[in-house]
Protein backbone atom coordinates (compact mmCIF):
# COMPACT_ATOMS: atom_id res chain seq x y z
CA MET A 1 -19.54 18.54 14.29
CA GLU A 2 -18.09 19.88 11.08
CA ILE A 3 -15.64 17.74 9.13
CA LYS A 4 -13.14 19.48 6.85
CA ILE A 5 -11.04 17.75 4.22
CA ASN A 6 -7.59 19.04 3.41
CA LYS A 7 -4.08 17.93 2.55
CA ALA A 8 -2.38 15.67 5.10
CA LYS A 9 0.70 16.98 6.88
CA GLN A 10 3.77 15.15 8.11
CA GLU A 11 2.64 15.57 11.71
CA ASP A 12 -0.63 13.74 10.85
CA LEU A 13 1.16 10.49 10.02
CA GLU A 14 1.03 8.93 13.48
CA GLU A 15 -2.74 9.39 13.70
CA ILE A 16 -3.17 8.19 10.10
CA TYR A 17 -1.12 5.09 10.89
CA ASN A 18 -3.32 4.36 13.91
CA ILE A 19 -6.42 4.56 11.68
CA GLU A 20 -4.68 2.20 9.25
CA LEU A 21 -4.03 -0.30 12.05
CA GLN A 22 -7.68 -0.14 13.19
CA SER A 23 -9.05 -0.50 9.66
CA PHE A 24 -7.19 -3.25 7.84
CA SER A 25 -6.12 -6.82 8.58
CA THR A 26 -2.99 -6.21 6.47
CA PRO A 27 -2.22 -2.53 7.20
CA TYR A 28 0.33 -0.52 5.30
CA PRO A 29 3.55 -0.10 7.29
CA TYR A 30 4.22 3.37 8.71
CA MET A 31 7.17 3.93 6.35
CA LEU A 32 5.04 3.09 3.31
CA LEU A 33 2.46 5.69 4.37
CA ARG A 34 5.29 8.18 4.82
CA SER A 35 6.61 7.37 1.34
CA LEU A 36 3.14 7.73 -0.18
CA MET A 37 2.83 11.15 1.44
CA ILE A 38 6.12 12.20 -0.15
CA LEU A 39 5.19 10.76 -3.57
CA PHE A 40 1.54 11.82 -3.74
CA GLY A 41 1.30 14.68 -1.22
CA GLU A 42 -1.37 16.62 -3.10
CA LEU A 43 -3.54 13.51 -3.21
CA PHE A 44 -2.96 12.43 0.40
CA ILE A 45 -5.89 13.96 2.25
CA VAL A 46 -7.43 13.86 5.70
CA ALA A 47 -10.90 14.49 7.08
CA ARG A 48 -10.77 16.18 10.46
CA ASP A 49 -13.06 17.70 13.02
CA GLU A 50 -11.85 20.41 15.40
CA GLU A 51 -9.51 18.04 17.25
CA ASN A 52 -8.97 14.73 15.48
CA ILE A 53 -8.37 13.12 12.15
CA ALA A 54 -11.52 11.17 11.35
CA GLY A 55 -10.20 9.48 8.20
CA TYR A 56 -7.81 9.72 5.31
CA ALA A 57 -7.50 8.89 1.63
CA ILE A 58 -4.56 8.48 -0.72
CA GLY A 59 -4.71 8.81 -4.48
CA ALA A 60 -2.32 8.87 -7.41
CA ILE A 61 -2.45 9.61 -11.11
CA ARG A 62 -1.33 6.66 -13.21
CA HIS A 63 -0.63 6.62 -16.95
CA ARG A 64 -1.58 10.34 -17.13
CA TYR A 65 -5.34 9.68 -17.27
CA MET A 66 -6.16 7.20 -14.51
CA GLY A 67 -6.86 8.22 -10.93
CA HIS A 68 -5.92 5.43 -8.53
CA VAL A 69 -7.61 5.34 -5.12
CA ILE A 70 -4.79 3.75 -3.14
CA SER A 71 -6.49 3.75 0.26
CA ILE A 72 -9.44 5.14 2.19
CA ALA A 73 -9.97 4.54 5.89
CA VAL A 74 -12.17 6.09 8.56
CA LYS A 75 -11.59 5.83 12.31
CA PRO A 76 -14.14 3.38 13.78
CA GLU A 77 -15.93 5.96 15.93
CA TYR A 78 -16.47 8.21 12.88
CA ARG A 79 -17.87 5.55 10.54
CA ASN A 80 -21.36 5.67 9.03
CA ARG A 81 -21.34 9.48 8.84
CA GLY A 82 -20.52 9.89 5.15
CA ILE A 83 -16.83 10.63 5.72
CA GLY A 84 -15.59 7.84 3.44
CA LYS A 85 -17.95 9.06 0.73
CA SER A 86 -16.67 12.64 1.14
CA LEU A 87 -13.05 11.53 0.96
CA LEU A 88 -13.77 9.51 -2.19
CA ARG A 89 -15.60 12.42 -3.85
CA THR A 90 -12.77 14.79 -2.96
CA LEU A 91 -10.19 12.47 -4.54
CA GLU A 92 -12.36 12.19 -7.66
CA THR A 93 -12.57 16.00 -7.87
CA TYR A 94 -8.78 16.21 -7.68
CA PHE A 95 -8.46 13.47 -10.32
CA ARG A 96 -10.75 15.41 -12.68
CA SER A 97 -8.74 18.61 -12.11
CA MET A 98 -5.64 16.64 -13.15
CA ASN A 99 -7.37 15.53 -16.38
CA ALA A 100 -7.99 11.94 -15.31
CA LEU A 101 -10.70 10.20 -17.30
CA TYR A 102 -11.24 7.27 -14.94
CA SER A 103 -10.80 6.36 -11.30
CA TYR A 104 -9.97 2.84 -10.19
CA LEU A 105 -9.28 0.98 -6.98
CA GLU A 106 -8.78 -2.43 -5.46
CA VAL A 107 -11.06 -3.61 -2.65
CA ASP A 108 -11.17 -6.80 -0.61
CA THR A 109 -13.88 -9.05 -2.05
CA SER A 110 -15.18 -9.66 1.49
CA ASN A 111 -15.40 -5.96 2.47
CA SER A 112 -19.14 -5.48 1.97
CA ILE A 113 -19.18 -1.99 3.52
CA ALA A 114 -16.52 -0.67 1.13
CA LEU A 115 -18.09 -2.47 -1.83
CA ASN A 116 -21.41 -0.80 -1.05
CA LEU A 117 -19.74 2.62 -0.86
CA TYR A 118 -18.00 2.14 -4.21
CA ARG A 119 -21.07 0.73 -5.95
CA LYS A 120 -23.16 3.70 -4.78
CA ALA A 121 -20.44 5.97 -6.18
CA SER A 122 -20.84 4.27 -9.61
CA TYR A 123 -17.76 2.04 -9.51
CA LEU A 124 -18.08 -1.19 -11.48
CA VAL A 125 -16.21 -4.44 -10.89
CA MET A 126 -13.88 -5.01 -13.84
CA GLY A 127 -11.92 -8.00 -12.60
CA THR A 128 -10.37 -9.81 -9.68
CA HIS A 129 -6.80 -9.91 -8.37
CA LYS A 130 -6.28 -13.32 -6.78
CA ASP A 131 -4.36 -13.32 -3.48
CA TYR A 132 -3.97 -9.51 -3.67
CA TYR A 133 -4.11 -9.13 0.12
CA GLY A 134 -2.37 -12.43 0.86
CA LYS A 135 -3.12 -16.10 0.27
CA GLY A 136 -6.85 -16.58 -0.19
CA LYS A 137 -7.60 -12.84 0.18
CA HIS A 138 -8.75 -11.55 -3.20
CA ALA A 139 -9.49 -8.04 -4.44
CA PHE A 140 -11.99 -6.72 -6.91
CA VAL A 141 -10.67 -4.12 -9.33
CA MET A 142 -13.33 -1.44 -9.68
CA ILE A 143 -13.44 1.46 -12.13
CA LYS A 144 -15.49 4.60 -12.65
CA ASN A 145 -15.79 6.95 -15.60
CA LEU A 146 -15.14 10.36 -14.05
CA HIS A 147 -17.00 12.24 -16.78
CA HIS A 148 -20.33 10.50 -16.32
CA ASN A 149 -21.40 11.40 -12.79
CA LEU A 150 -23.93 8.68 -12.06
CA ASP A 151 -23.59 8.45 -8.27
CA LEU A 152 -26.60 6.60 -6.91
CA GLU A 153 -26.64 8.80 -3.80
């Protein structure tokens, strides 16, 4: 099964939203995903096989030199196949092409699978946002220098 990554389309939103619902305890509302697609269309990407969307990622450029990984999610039946890693690397490539120096993201402090992915991709914890995902649900802020490719895998 070959997975291809390309720009998300409007007609992908329903499937993306379903992945969102399956992936997060506090999922983004459908209309927010739609707005993010309008705002950051070039950085709203999907991984798909011949028939289905396996996962998606959303990025943005902030302050002209910071790539922000807004969200990455992979459909449960496609997990542990390197799709999240591929989506992350693709966003980072786009960030570099847009002259970003760093990439950063927020991740739930209890999400060990995501933390492992980001650590292997050379992201470092730079701080914590208390109650970022709701009362008692904190996020680590992680950052990566995009011009020192030190991925551990």
